[in-house]
Amino acid sequence: MTITHHPSPEIIAAYAAGTIDEGRRLVVATHLHLCATCHDLQRACEVVGGLLLDDEAPAAMAPGAIEATLAKLDNAPPASDKPLTLSDYKLGRWLWRGPGVYWREVPTTDAGETRSFMLRVAPNTQLPHHTHEGFEWTCILQGAFRHAGGVYGPGDFDEADEETHHTPIVEPGEDCICLVAMRGTIQLKGWQRLLQPLIRI
């Protein structure tokens, strides 16, 4: 697996600092789990953050904090077909969103305006031409798709916003499964706007 599309260093630093919402953290964490290069950058950001904390006055730990942490380490989760970052989430069922397109909710605790979900799209399927009301962060888990930004395969990270206009097409071979964090909705273009109420993404 060759990963060619990565989050920006600013996104990785924000992830390491814990300043992005849970949905976007899930997408970035999934990429970091699959990309050694970005994982190394994340660790470097955490080291810098740790050095900055060294200058702060110490704070008392909550009673039982060490015991609770050790108990979590002793209780390893069972094997699962979900990505490591999704192992603690009760995923929704796959729902039909259009020919060859299925959607699955990933319920997060701080969802707010950010929605987290998985998309499963059949090979050779062209998604409607669209832009976005807000941001869309995507990590590919299986298969591949392409658009004007290139070909995105397992582990790749894709970022879109209001300025992005694209028409993703799934590559031949296997379903493309992605983890997505999105604020707002997609905005279909041209006659495809008539499909907006049906797609619900």
N, C-alpha and C. Protein backbone atom coordinates (compact mmCIF):
# COMPACT_ATOMS: atom_id res chain seq x y z
N MET A 1 0.84 -1.18 0.00
CA MET A 1 0.00 0.00 0.00
C MET A 1 0.89 1.24 0.00
N THR A 2 0.71 2.09 -0.99
CA THR A 2 1.45 3.34 -1.07
C THR A 2 0.48 4.49 -0.82
N ILE A 3 0.74 5.25 0.22
CA ILE A 3 -0.11 6.39 0.56
C ILE A 3 0.53 7.64 -0.04
N THR A 4 -0.25 8.36 -0.85
CA THR A 4 0.31 9.52 -1.54
C THR A 4 -0.37 10.84 -1.16
N HIS A 5 -1.51 10.78 -0.49
CA HIS A 5 -2.24 12.00 -0.11
C HIS A 5 -2.32 12.06 1.41
N HIS A 6 -1.80 13.14 1.98
CA HIS A 6 -1.66 13.25 3.44
C HIS A 6 -2.33 14.52 3.96
N PRO A 7 -2.69 14.53 5.25
CA PRO A 7 -3.14 15.78 5.86
C PRO A 7 -1.98 16.76 5.92
N SER A 8 -2.29 18.03 5.97
CA SER A 8 -1.23 19.04 6.10
C SER A 8 -0.57 18.94 7.47
N PRO A 9 0.67 19.42 7.60
CA PRO A 9 1.30 19.45 8.93
C PRO A 9 0.47 20.21 9.95
N GLU A 10 -0.27 21.24 9.51
CA GLU A 10 -1.12 22.00 10.42
C GLU A 10 -2.25 21.13 10.97
N ILE A 11 -2.82 20.28 10.13
CA ILE A 11 -3.88 19.38 10.59
C ILE A 11 -3.32 18.38 11.59
N ILE A 12 -2.14 17.83 11.29
CA ILE A 12 -1.54 16.85 12.20
C ILE A 12 -1.19 17.51 13.53
N ALA A 13 -0.70 18.74 13.50
CA ALA A 13 -0.39 19.46 14.74
C ALA A 13 -1.66 19.72 15.54
N ALA A 14 -2.75 20.08 14.87
CA ALA A 14 -4.03 20.31 15.56
C ALA A 14 -4.54 19.01 16.17
N TYR A 15 -4.36 17.90 15.45
CA TYR A 15 -4.75 16.59 15.99
C TYR A 15 -3.94 16.29 17.25
N ALA A 16 -2.62 16.48 17.18
CA ALA A 16 -1.76 16.20 18.33
C ALA A 16 -2.10 17.08 19.52
N ALA A 17 -2.53 18.30 19.25
CA ALA A 17 -2.89 19.24 20.33
C ALA A 17 -4.30 19.00 20.86
N GLY A 18 -5.08 18.16 20.15
CA GLY A 18 -6.44 17.88 20.60
C GLY A 18 -7.41 19.02 20.35
N THR A 19 -7.17 19.81 19.30
CA THR A 19 -8.01 20.99 19.07
C THR A 19 -9.02 20.81 17.94
N ILE A 20 -9.19 19.59 17.42
CA ILE A 20 -10.21 19.37 16.39
C ILE A 20 -11.28 18.45 16.96
N ASP A 21 -12.48 18.53 16.38
CA ASP A 21 -13.61 17.77 16.90
C ASP A 21 -13.43 16.27 16.68
N GLU A 22 -14.27 15.50 17.34
CA GLU A 22 -14.12 14.04 17.35
C GLU A 22 -14.22 13.42 15.95
N GLY A 23 -15.14 13.91 15.13
CA GLY A 23 -15.29 13.36 13.78
C GLY A 23 -14.02 13.51 12.96
N ARG A 24 -13.44 14.70 12.99
CA ARG A 24 -12.20 14.92 12.23
C ARG A 24 -11.04 14.16 12.87
N ARG A 25 -11.04 14.05 14.20
CA ARG A 25 -9.99 13.26 14.87
C ARG A 25 -10.03 11.81 14.38
N LEU A 26 -11.24 11.26 14.22
CA LEU A 26 -11.36 9.88 13.74
C LEU A 26 -10.74 9.70 12.37
N VAL A 27 -11.02 10.64 11.47
CA VAL A 27 -10.48 10.54 10.11
C VAL A 27 -8.96 10.64 10.13
N VAL A 28 -8.43 11.61 10.88
CA VAL A 28 -6.98 11.78 10.95
C VAL A 28 -6.34 10.58 11.65
N ALA A 29 -6.94 10.09 12.73
CA ALA A 29 -6.39 8.93 13.45
C ALA A 29 -6.33 7.71 12.55
N THR A 30 -7.34 7.53 11.71
CA THR A 30 -7.35 6.40 10.78
C THR A 30 -6.19 6.52 9.80
N HIS A 31 -5.98 7.72 9.27
CA HIS A 31 -4.84 7.94 8.37
C HIS A 31 -3.53 7.68 9.10
N LEU A 32 -3.38 8.20 10.32
CA LEU A 32 -2.14 8.02 11.08
C LEU A 32 -1.86 6.55 11.37
N HIS A 33 -2.92 5.78 11.59
CA HIS A 33 -2.77 4.34 11.85
C HIS A 33 -2.17 3.63 10.63
N LEU A 34 -2.44 4.17 9.44
CA LEU A 34 -2.01 3.53 8.20
C LEU A 34 -0.75 4.16 7.59
N CYS A 35 -0.37 5.36 8.05
CA CYS A 35 0.73 6.10 7.43
C CYS A 35 1.85 6.35 8.44
N ALA A 36 2.95 5.65 8.30
CA ALA A 36 4.08 5.79 9.23
C ALA A 36 4.68 7.20 9.18
N THR A 37 4.73 7.80 8.01
CA THR A 37 5.32 9.14 7.87
C THR A 37 4.55 10.16 8.70
N CYS A 38 3.24 10.18 8.55
CA CYS A 38 2.42 11.14 9.30
C CYS A 38 2.37 10.79 10.78
N HIS A 39 2.42 9.49 11.09
CA HIS A 39 2.46 9.09 12.50
C HIS A 39 3.72 9.62 13.17
N ASP A 40 4.85 9.57 12.46
CA ASP A 40 6.09 10.12 13.01
C ASP A 40 5.97 11.63 13.25
N LEU A 41 5.32 12.33 12.32
CA LEU A 41 5.12 13.77 12.49
C LEU A 41 4.23 14.05 13.70
N GLN A 42 3.19 13.25 13.86
CA GLN A 42 2.32 13.40 15.03
C GLN A 42 3.10 13.23 16.32
N ARG A 43 3.95 12.21 16.37
CA ARG A 43 4.75 11.96 17.58
C ARG A 43 5.69 13.14 17.85
N ALA A 44 6.27 13.70 16.78
CA ALA A 44 7.14 14.87 16.96
C ALA A 44 6.35 16.05 17.51
N CYS A 45 5.14 16.25 17.02
CA CYS A 45 4.29 17.34 17.55
C CYS A 45 3.98 17.11 19.03
N GLU A 46 3.75 15.86 19.40
CA GLU A 46 3.45 15.55 20.80
C GLU A 46 4.68 15.79 21.69
N VAL A 47 5.87 15.49 21.16
CA VAL A 47 7.09 15.74 21.92
C VAL A 47 7.25 17.24 22.17
N VAL A 48 7.03 18.04 21.12
CA VAL A 48 7.12 19.50 21.28
C VAL A 48 6.08 19.97 22.31
N GLY A 49 4.87 19.44 22.21
CA GLY A 49 3.84 19.80 23.19
C GLY A 49 4.24 19.41 24.60
N GLY A 50 4.87 18.24 24.73
CA GLY A 50 5.34 17.80 26.04
C GLY A 50 6.41 18.71 26.61
N LEU A 51 7.31 19.17 25.74
CA LEU A 51 8.35 20.09 26.19
C LEU A 51 7.74 21.41 26.67
N LEU A 52 6.71 21.86 25.98
CA LEU A 52 6.03 23.09 26.41
C LEU A 52 5.34 22.89 27.76
N LEU A 53 4.80 21.68 27.98
CA LEU A 53 4.14 21.40 29.26
C LEU A 53 5.14 21.35 30.41
N ASP A 54 6.40 21.02 30.10
CA ASP A 54 7.42 20.99 31.16
C ASP A 54 7.56 22.34 31.85
N ASP A 55 7.23 23.40 31.13
CA ASP A 55 7.34 24.74 31.71
C ASP A 55 6.14 25.12 32.58
N GLU A 56 5.09 24.30 32.54
CA GLU A 56 3.88 24.59 33.32
C GLU A 56 4.01 24.06 34.74
N ALA A 57 3.25 24.65 35.64
CA ALA A 57 3.20 24.15 37.03
C ALA A 57 2.50 22.80 37.04
N PRO A 58 2.99 21.82 37.83
CA PRO A 58 2.35 20.50 37.87
C PRO A 58 0.93 20.58 38.43
N ALA A 59 0.08 19.68 37.95
CA ALA A 59 -1.30 19.59 38.44
C ALA A 59 -1.50 18.22 39.09
N ALA A 60 -2.30 18.17 40.11
CA ALA A 60 -2.56 16.91 40.81
C ALA A 60 -3.43 16.00 39.94
N MET A 61 -3.12 14.69 39.98
CA MET A 61 -3.92 13.70 39.25
C MET A 61 -5.17 13.36 40.06
N ALA A 62 -6.21 12.98 39.35
CA ALA A 62 -7.44 12.56 40.02
C ALA A 62 -7.18 11.25 40.77
N PRO A 63 -7.84 11.04 41.89
CA PRO A 63 -7.68 9.76 42.60
C PRO A 63 -8.07 8.59 41.69
N GLY A 64 -7.26 7.57 41.66
CA GLY A 64 -7.54 6.37 40.87
C GLY A 64 -7.19 6.48 39.40
N ALA A 65 -6.58 7.57 38.97
CA ALA A 65 -6.27 7.76 37.55
C ALA A 65 -5.30 6.70 37.04
N ILE A 66 -4.27 6.39 37.80
CA ILE A 66 -3.28 5.39 37.37
C ILE A 66 -3.94 4.02 37.28
N GLU A 67 -4.72 3.64 38.27
CA GLU A 67 -5.39 2.34 38.27
C GLU A 67 -6.34 2.21 37.08
N ALA A 68 -7.08 3.28 36.79
CA ALA A 68 -8.02 3.25 35.66
C ALA A 68 -7.28 3.08 34.34
N THR A 69 -6.15 3.75 34.19
CA THR A 69 -5.35 3.63 32.96
C THR A 69 -4.80 2.22 32.81
N LEU A 70 -4.26 1.66 33.88
CA LEU A 70 -3.72 0.30 33.83
C LEU A 70 -4.82 -0.72 33.54
N ALA A 71 -6.01 -0.52 34.07
CA ALA A 71 -7.12 -1.44 33.80
C ALA A 71 -7.49 -1.42 32.32
N LYS A 72 -7.46 -0.24 31.70
CA LYS A 72 -7.76 -0.16 30.27
C LYS A 72 -6.71 -0.91 29.45
N LEU A 73 -5.46 -0.82 29.86
CA LEU A 73 -4.39 -1.51 29.14
C LEU A 73 -4.53 -3.02 29.26
N ASP A 74 -5.03 -3.49 30.40
CA ASP A 74 -5.18 -4.93 30.62
C ASP A 74 -6.34 -5.53 29.84
N ASN A 75 -7.30 -4.72 29.45
CA ASN A 75 -8.50 -5.21 28.76
C ASN A 75 -8.41 -4.90 27.27
N ALA A 76 -7.62 -5.67 26.55
CA ALA A 76 -7.46 -5.45 25.11
C ALA A 76 -8.77 -5.77 24.40
N PRO A 77 -9.17 -4.95 23.40
CA PRO A 77 -10.42 -5.22 22.69
C PRO A 77 -10.31 -6.46 21.82
N PRO A 78 -11.43 -7.15 21.57
CA PRO A 78 -11.40 -8.33 20.70
C PRO A 78 -11.15 -7.92 19.25
N ALA A 79 -10.71 -8.88 18.45
CA ALA A 79 -10.46 -8.61 17.03
C ALA A 79 -11.74 -8.15 16.36
N SER A 80 -11.62 -7.26 15.39
CA SER A 80 -12.79 -6.70 14.72
C SER A 80 -12.43 -6.38 13.29
N ASP A 81 -13.46 -6.35 12.41
CA ASP A 81 -13.21 -5.98 11.02
C ASP A 81 -13.28 -4.46 10.83
N LYS A 82 -13.57 -3.71 11.89
CA LYS A 82 -13.61 -2.25 11.80
C LYS A 82 -12.20 -1.70 11.95
N PRO A 83 -11.92 -0.53 11.35
CA PRO A 83 -10.61 0.08 11.57
C PRO A 83 -10.38 0.31 13.06
N LEU A 84 -9.14 0.25 13.47
CA LEU A 84 -8.79 0.39 14.88
C LEU A 84 -9.44 1.61 15.51
N THR A 85 -9.49 2.71 14.80
CA THR A 85 -10.03 3.94 15.37
C THR A 85 -11.54 3.88 15.55
N LEU A 86 -12.22 2.96 14.91
CA LEU A 86 -13.67 2.84 15.03
C LEU A 86 -14.10 1.76 16.01
N SER A 87 -13.14 1.08 16.63
CA SER A 87 -13.46 -0.10 17.44
C SER A 87 -14.36 0.20 18.63
N ASP A 88 -14.37 1.43 19.12
CA ASP A 88 -15.21 1.77 20.27
C ASP A 88 -16.57 2.35 19.88
N TYR A 89 -16.89 2.37 18.60
CA TYR A 89 -18.13 3.00 18.13
C TYR A 89 -19.15 1.96 17.70
N LYS A 90 -20.40 2.22 18.05
CA LYS A 90 -21.50 1.38 17.58
C LYS A 90 -21.96 1.96 16.24
N LEU A 91 -21.54 1.32 15.17
CA LEU A 91 -21.83 1.83 13.84
C LEU A 91 -23.27 1.55 13.46
N GLY A 92 -23.87 2.48 12.73
CA GLY A 92 -25.21 2.27 12.20
C GLY A 92 -25.18 1.23 11.09
N ARG A 93 -26.37 0.87 10.62
CA ARG A 93 -26.43 -0.09 9.52
C ARG A 93 -26.24 0.65 8.19
N TRP A 94 -25.85 -0.10 7.16
CA TRP A 94 -25.65 0.50 5.85
C TRP A 94 -27.02 0.87 5.27
N LEU A 95 -27.18 2.11 4.82
CA LEU A 95 -28.42 2.60 4.23
C LEU A 95 -28.17 2.99 2.78
N TRP A 96 -29.11 2.65 1.90
CA TRP A 96 -29.01 2.96 0.48
C TRP A 96 -29.15 4.46 0.28
N ARG A 97 -28.26 5.05 -0.52
CA ARG A 97 -28.31 6.48 -0.82
C ARG A 97 -28.40 6.75 -2.32
N GLY A 98 -28.33 5.72 -3.12
CA GLY A 98 -28.40 5.85 -4.57
C GLY A 98 -27.82 4.60 -5.19
N PRO A 99 -27.92 4.45 -6.51
CA PRO A 99 -27.39 3.25 -7.16
C PRO A 99 -25.90 3.05 -6.83
N GLY A 100 -25.61 1.94 -6.15
CA GLY A 100 -24.23 1.61 -5.80
C GLY A 100 -23.65 2.39 -4.65
N VAL A 101 -24.47 3.20 -3.96
CA VAL A 101 -23.97 4.06 -2.88
C VAL A 101 -24.69 3.74 -1.57
N TYR A 102 -23.90 3.42 -0.54
CA TYR A 102 -24.45 3.13 0.78
C TYR A 102 -23.76 4.00 1.82
N TRP A 103 -24.51 4.37 2.86
CA TRP A 103 -24.08 5.30 3.90
C TRP A 103 -24.28 4.64 5.25
N ARG A 104 -23.34 4.87 6.18
CA ARG A 104 -23.41 4.26 7.51
C ARG A 104 -22.97 5.29 8.54
N GLU A 105 -23.83 5.58 9.50
CA GLU A 105 -23.50 6.58 10.52
C GLU A 105 -22.42 6.09 11.47
N VAL A 106 -21.55 7.00 11.86
CA VAL A 106 -20.58 6.77 12.94
C VAL A 106 -20.94 7.78 14.03
N PRO A 107 -21.72 7.36 15.04
CA PRO A 107 -22.16 8.32 16.05
C PRO A 107 -21.02 8.75 16.96
N THR A 108 -20.80 10.06 17.04
CA THR A 108 -19.75 10.60 17.90
C THR A 108 -20.38 11.34 19.07
N THR A 109 -19.62 11.50 20.14
CA THR A 109 -20.17 12.10 21.35
C THR A 109 -20.25 13.62 21.27
N ASP A 110 -19.40 14.23 20.45
CA ASP A 110 -19.43 15.70 20.36
C ASP A 110 -19.79 16.16 18.96
N ALA A 111 -20.72 15.44 18.34
CA ALA A 111 -21.02 15.65 16.92
C ALA A 111 -21.25 17.12 16.57
N GLY A 112 -22.08 17.82 17.31
CA GLY A 112 -22.34 19.22 16.97
C GLY A 112 -22.69 19.36 15.51
N GLU A 113 -21.98 20.21 14.81
CA GLU A 113 -22.24 20.44 13.40
C GLU A 113 -21.49 19.46 12.50
N THR A 114 -20.57 18.70 13.06
CA THR A 114 -19.79 17.75 12.26
C THR A 114 -20.46 16.39 12.29
N ARG A 115 -20.70 15.83 11.11
CA ARG A 115 -21.27 14.48 11.00
C ARG A 115 -20.15 13.52 10.60
N SER A 116 -20.19 12.33 11.17
CA SER A 116 -19.21 11.29 10.84
C SER A 116 -19.96 10.10 10.26
N PHE A 117 -19.44 9.57 9.16
CA PHE A 117 -20.10 8.44 8.53
C PHE A 117 -19.11 7.70 7.64
N MET A 118 -19.54 6.52 7.21
CA MET A 118 -18.79 5.75 6.23
C MET A 118 -19.59 5.73 4.94
N LEU A 119 -18.90 5.73 3.83
CA LEU A 119 -19.52 5.57 2.51
C LEU A 119 -18.97 4.30 1.88
N ARG A 120 -19.85 3.54 1.27
CA ARG A 120 -19.43 2.37 0.49
C ARG A 120 -20.01 2.55 -0.91
N VAL A 121 -19.13 2.61 -1.90
CA VAL A 121 -19.56 2.90 -3.26
C VAL A 121 -19.04 1.80 -4.19
N ALA A 122 -19.91 1.31 -5.05
CA ALA A 122 -19.58 0.21 -5.96
C ALA A 122 -18.53 0.64 -6.99
N PRO A 123 -17.75 -0.32 -7.50
CA PRO A 123 -16.75 -0.01 -8.53
C PRO A 123 -17.38 0.67 -9.74
N ASN A 124 -16.63 1.55 -10.37
CA ASN A 124 -17.03 2.26 -11.59
C ASN A 124 -18.20 3.22 -11.40
N THR A 125 -18.58 3.49 -10.17
CA THR A 125 -19.68 4.43 -9.91
C THR A 125 -19.16 5.86 -9.91
N GLN A 126 -19.85 6.72 -10.64
CA GLN A 126 -19.51 8.14 -10.64
C GLN A 126 -20.48 8.86 -9.71
N LEU A 127 -19.95 9.52 -8.70
CA LEU A 127 -20.79 10.30 -7.80
C LEU A 127 -21.14 11.62 -8.48
N PRO A 128 -22.25 12.24 -8.08
CA PRO A 128 -22.66 13.49 -8.72
C PRO A 128 -21.62 14.60 -8.53
N HIS A 129 -21.53 15.48 -9.52
CA HIS A 129 -20.65 16.65 -9.42
C HIS A 129 -21.18 17.52 -8.29
N HIS A 130 -20.30 17.91 -7.36
CA HIS A 130 -20.77 18.66 -6.20
C HIS A 130 -19.67 19.51 -5.59
N THR A 131 -20.11 20.40 -4.71
CA THR A 131 -19.23 21.15 -3.83
C THR A 131 -19.78 20.95 -2.42
N HIS A 132 -19.33 21.77 -1.47
CA HIS A 132 -19.70 21.54 -0.07
C HIS A 132 -20.12 22.84 0.61
N GLU A 133 -21.03 22.71 1.58
CA GLU A 133 -21.39 23.87 2.42
C GLU A 133 -20.26 24.18 3.40
N GLY A 134 -19.59 23.14 3.86
CA GLY A 134 -18.50 23.28 4.83
C GLY A 134 -17.33 22.42 4.40
N PHE A 135 -16.71 21.76 5.38
CA PHE A 135 -15.56 20.92 5.06
C PHE A 135 -15.98 19.46 4.91
N GLU A 136 -15.11 18.69 4.25
CA GLU A 136 -15.24 17.24 4.16
C GLU A 136 -13.83 16.66 4.25
N TRP A 137 -13.58 15.87 5.29
CA TRP A 137 -12.32 15.15 5.43
C TRP A 137 -12.61 13.68 5.24
N THR A 138 -11.80 13.01 4.41
CA THR A 138 -12.04 11.62 4.06
C THR A 138 -10.76 10.82 4.18
N CYS A 139 -10.86 9.60 4.73
CA CYS A 139 -9.76 8.64 4.69
C CYS A 139 -10.29 7.38 4.02
N ILE A 140 -9.59 6.91 3.01
CA ILE A 140 -10.01 5.74 2.27
C ILE A 140 -9.57 4.49 3.02
N LEU A 141 -10.51 3.56 3.23
CA LEU A 141 -10.23 2.32 3.95
C LEU A 141 -10.02 1.15 3.00
N GLN A 142 -10.74 1.14 1.89
CA GLN A 142 -10.68 0.03 0.93
C GLN A 142 -11.01 0.57 -0.45
N GLY A 143 -10.43 -0.05 -1.48
CA GLY A 143 -10.71 0.38 -2.83
C GLY A 143 -10.06 1.72 -3.14
N ALA A 144 -10.57 2.40 -4.16
CA ALA A 144 -9.99 3.68 -4.57
C ALA A 144 -11.00 4.49 -5.36
N PHE A 145 -10.81 5.81 -5.35
CA PHE A 145 -11.58 6.68 -6.22
C PHE A 145 -10.63 7.72 -6.81
N ARG A 146 -11.12 8.39 -7.83
CA ARG A 146 -10.32 9.45 -8.44
C ARG A 146 -11.20 10.67 -8.70
N HIS A 147 -10.57 11.81 -8.70
CA HIS A 147 -11.18 13.06 -9.14
C HIS A 147 -10.04 13.95 -9.59
N ALA A 148 -10.31 15.22 -9.80
CA ALA A 148 -9.29 16.12 -10.34
C ALA A 148 -8.02 16.17 -9.50
N GLY A 149 -8.12 15.85 -8.20
CA GLY A 149 -6.95 15.87 -7.32
C GLY A 149 -6.06 14.65 -7.43
N GLY A 150 -6.49 13.62 -8.18
CA GLY A 150 -5.68 12.42 -8.34
C GLY A 150 -6.46 11.17 -7.97
N VAL A 151 -5.71 10.08 -7.78
CA VAL A 151 -6.29 8.79 -7.38
C VAL A 151 -6.03 8.62 -5.89
N TYR A 152 -7.06 8.23 -5.16
CA TYR A 152 -6.98 8.07 -3.70
C TYR A 152 -7.27 6.61 -3.36
N GLY A 153 -6.30 5.96 -2.70
CA GLY A 153 -6.44 4.57 -2.32
C GLY A 153 -6.38 4.40 -0.82
N PRO A 154 -6.28 3.16 -0.33
CA PRO A 154 -6.30 2.90 1.11
C PRO A 154 -5.26 3.73 1.87
N GLY A 155 -5.75 4.40 2.91
CA GLY A 155 -4.90 5.23 3.75
C GLY A 155 -4.81 6.67 3.32
N ASP A 156 -5.16 6.97 2.06
CA ASP A 156 -5.06 8.35 1.58
C ASP A 156 -6.08 9.25 2.28
N PHE A 157 -5.69 10.51 2.42
CA PHE A 157 -6.51 11.54 3.06
C PHE A 157 -6.93 12.55 2.01
N ASP A 158 -8.21 12.90 1.98
CA ASP A 158 -8.71 13.89 1.03
C ASP A 158 -9.46 14.97 1.82
N GLU A 159 -9.21 16.21 1.46
CA GLU A 159 -9.84 17.34 2.13
C GLU A 159 -10.55 18.20 1.10
N ALA A 160 -11.82 18.50 1.35
CA ALA A 160 -12.60 19.35 0.45
C ALA A 160 -13.32 20.42 1.28
N ASP A 161 -13.67 21.52 0.60
CA ASP A 161 -14.42 22.60 1.26
C ASP A 161 -15.28 23.31 0.23
N GLU A 162 -15.75 24.51 0.58
CA GLU A 162 -16.66 25.25 -0.29
C GLU A 162 -16.03 25.59 -1.64
N GLU A 163 -14.71 25.64 -1.70
CA GLU A 163 -14.01 25.98 -2.94
C GLU A 163 -13.82 24.77 -3.85
N THR A 164 -14.04 23.58 -3.32
CA THR A 164 -13.80 22.35 -4.07
C THR A 164 -15.02 21.98 -4.90
N HIS A 165 -14.81 21.74 -6.18
CA HIS A 165 -15.85 21.22 -7.07
C HIS A 165 -15.29 19.93 -7.64
N HIS A 166 -15.93 18.80 -7.34
CA HIS A 166 -15.37 17.54 -7.84
C HIS A 166 -16.45 16.53 -8.17
N THR A 167 -16.03 15.52 -8.94
CA THR A 167 -16.90 14.43 -9.36
C THR A 167 -16.14 13.13 -9.12
N PRO A 168 -16.16 12.61 -7.89
CA PRO A 168 -15.41 11.37 -7.62
C PRO A 168 -15.95 10.19 -8.42
N ILE A 169 -15.03 9.37 -8.91
CA ILE A 169 -15.38 8.15 -9.64
C ILE A 169 -14.62 7.00 -8.99
N VAL A 170 -15.34 5.95 -8.61
CA VAL A 170 -14.71 4.80 -7.97
C VAL A 170 -13.99 3.97 -9.02
N GLU A 171 -12.78 3.57 -8.69
CA GLU A 171 -11.96 2.76 -9.59
C GLU A 171 -12.55 1.35 -9.73
N PRO A 172 -12.25 0.65 -10.83
CA PRO A 172 -12.72 -0.72 -10.99
C PRO A 172 -12.12 -1.65 -9.94
N GLY A 173 -12.73 -2.79 -9.74
CA GLY A 173 -12.15 -3.84 -8.90
C GLY A 173 -12.94 -4.17 -7.66
N GLU A 174 -13.10 -3.21 -6.74
CA GLU A 174 -13.81 -3.50 -5.49
C GLU A 174 -14.51 -2.24 -5.00
N ASP A 175 -15.45 -2.46 -4.07
CA ASP A 175 -16.12 -1.32 -3.46
C ASP A 175 -15.09 -0.38 -2.85
N CYS A 176 -15.38 0.90 -2.87
CA CYS A 176 -14.56 1.89 -2.18
C CYS A 176 -15.28 2.22 -0.87
N ILE A 177 -14.59 2.02 0.24
CA ILE A 177 -15.15 2.33 1.56
C ILE A 177 -14.31 3.44 2.17
N CYS A 178 -14.99 4.50 2.61
CA CYS A 178 -14.32 5.67 3.16
C CYS A 178 -14.92 6.04 4.51
N LEU A 179 -14.08 6.62 5.36
CA LEU A 179 -14.52 7.24 6.59
C LEU A 179 -14.52 8.75 6.35
N VAL A 180 -15.64 9.41 6.68
CA VAL A 180 -15.82 10.81 6.33
C VAL A 180 -16.25 11.61 7.56
N ALA A 181 -15.69 12.80 7.71
CA ALA A 181 -16.20 13.80 8.66
C ALA A 181 -16.60 15.01 7.82
N MET A 182 -17.83 15.47 8.02
CA MET A 182 -18.34 16.53 7.16
C MET A 182 -19.14 17.54 7.99
N ARG A 183 -18.94 18.80 7.67
CA ARG A 183 -19.79 19.86 8.23
C ARG A 183 -20.59 20.43 7.08
N GLY A 184 -21.90 20.54 7.25
CA GLY A 184 -22.77 20.97 6.17
C GLY A 184 -23.14 19.78 5.30
N THR A 185 -23.63 20.06 4.12
CA THR A 185 -24.02 19.00 3.19
C THR A 185 -23.32 19.22 1.86
N ILE A 186 -23.35 18.18 1.01
CA ILE A 186 -22.85 18.38 -0.34
C ILE A 186 -23.87 19.21 -1.11
N GLN A 187 -23.40 19.97 -2.06
CA GLN A 187 -24.26 20.79 -2.89
C GLN A 187 -24.11 20.33 -4.33
N LEU A 188 -25.14 19.64 -4.83
CA LEU A 188 -25.10 19.12 -6.19
C LEU A 188 -25.20 20.26 -7.19
N LYS A 189 -24.64 20.03 -8.37
CA LYS A 189 -24.59 21.06 -9.41
C LYS A 189 -25.43 20.64 -10.62
N GLY A 190 -25.91 21.64 -11.38
CA GLY A 190 -26.66 21.37 -12.60
C GLY A 190 -27.97 20.66 -12.32
N TRP A 191 -28.40 19.84 -13.28
CA TRP A 191 -29.67 19.13 -13.15
C TRP A 191 -29.66 18.16 -11.97
N GLN A 192 -28.46 17.77 -11.52
CA GLN A 192 -28.37 16.81 -10.41
C GLN A 192 -28.88 17.40 -9.10
N ARG A 193 -29.07 18.74 -9.05
CA ARG A 193 -29.65 19.34 -7.85
C ARG A 193 -31.01 18.75 -7.54
N LEU A 194 -31.70 18.25 -8.56
CA LEU A 194 -33.01 17.62 -8.35
C LEU A 194 -32.90 16.38 -7.47
N LEU A 195 -31.71 15.77 -7.43
CA LEU A 195 -31.50 14.56 -6.63
C LEU A 195 -31.17 14.86 -5.18
N GLN A 196 -30.91 16.13 -4.84
CA GLN A 196 -30.46 16.50 -3.49
C GLN A 196 -31.34 15.91 -2.38
N PRO A 197 -32.68 16.00 -2.46
CA PRO A 197 -33.49 15.45 -1.37
C PRO A 197 -33.36 13.94 -1.22
N LEU A 198 -33.00 13.24 -2.28
CA LEU A 198 -32.90 11.78 -2.23
C LEU A 198 -31.57 11.31 -1.67
N ILE A 199 -30.51 12.06 -1.92
CA ILE A 199 -29.17 11.61 -1.55
C ILE A 199 -28.92 11.76 -0.06
N ARG A 200 -29.31 12.86 0.52
CA ARG A 200 -29.22 13.09 1.98
C ARG A 200 -27.83 12.84 2.54
N ILE A 201 -26.84 13.42 1.93
CA ILE A 201 -25.46 13.35 2.47
C ILE A 201 -24.99 14.78 2.70
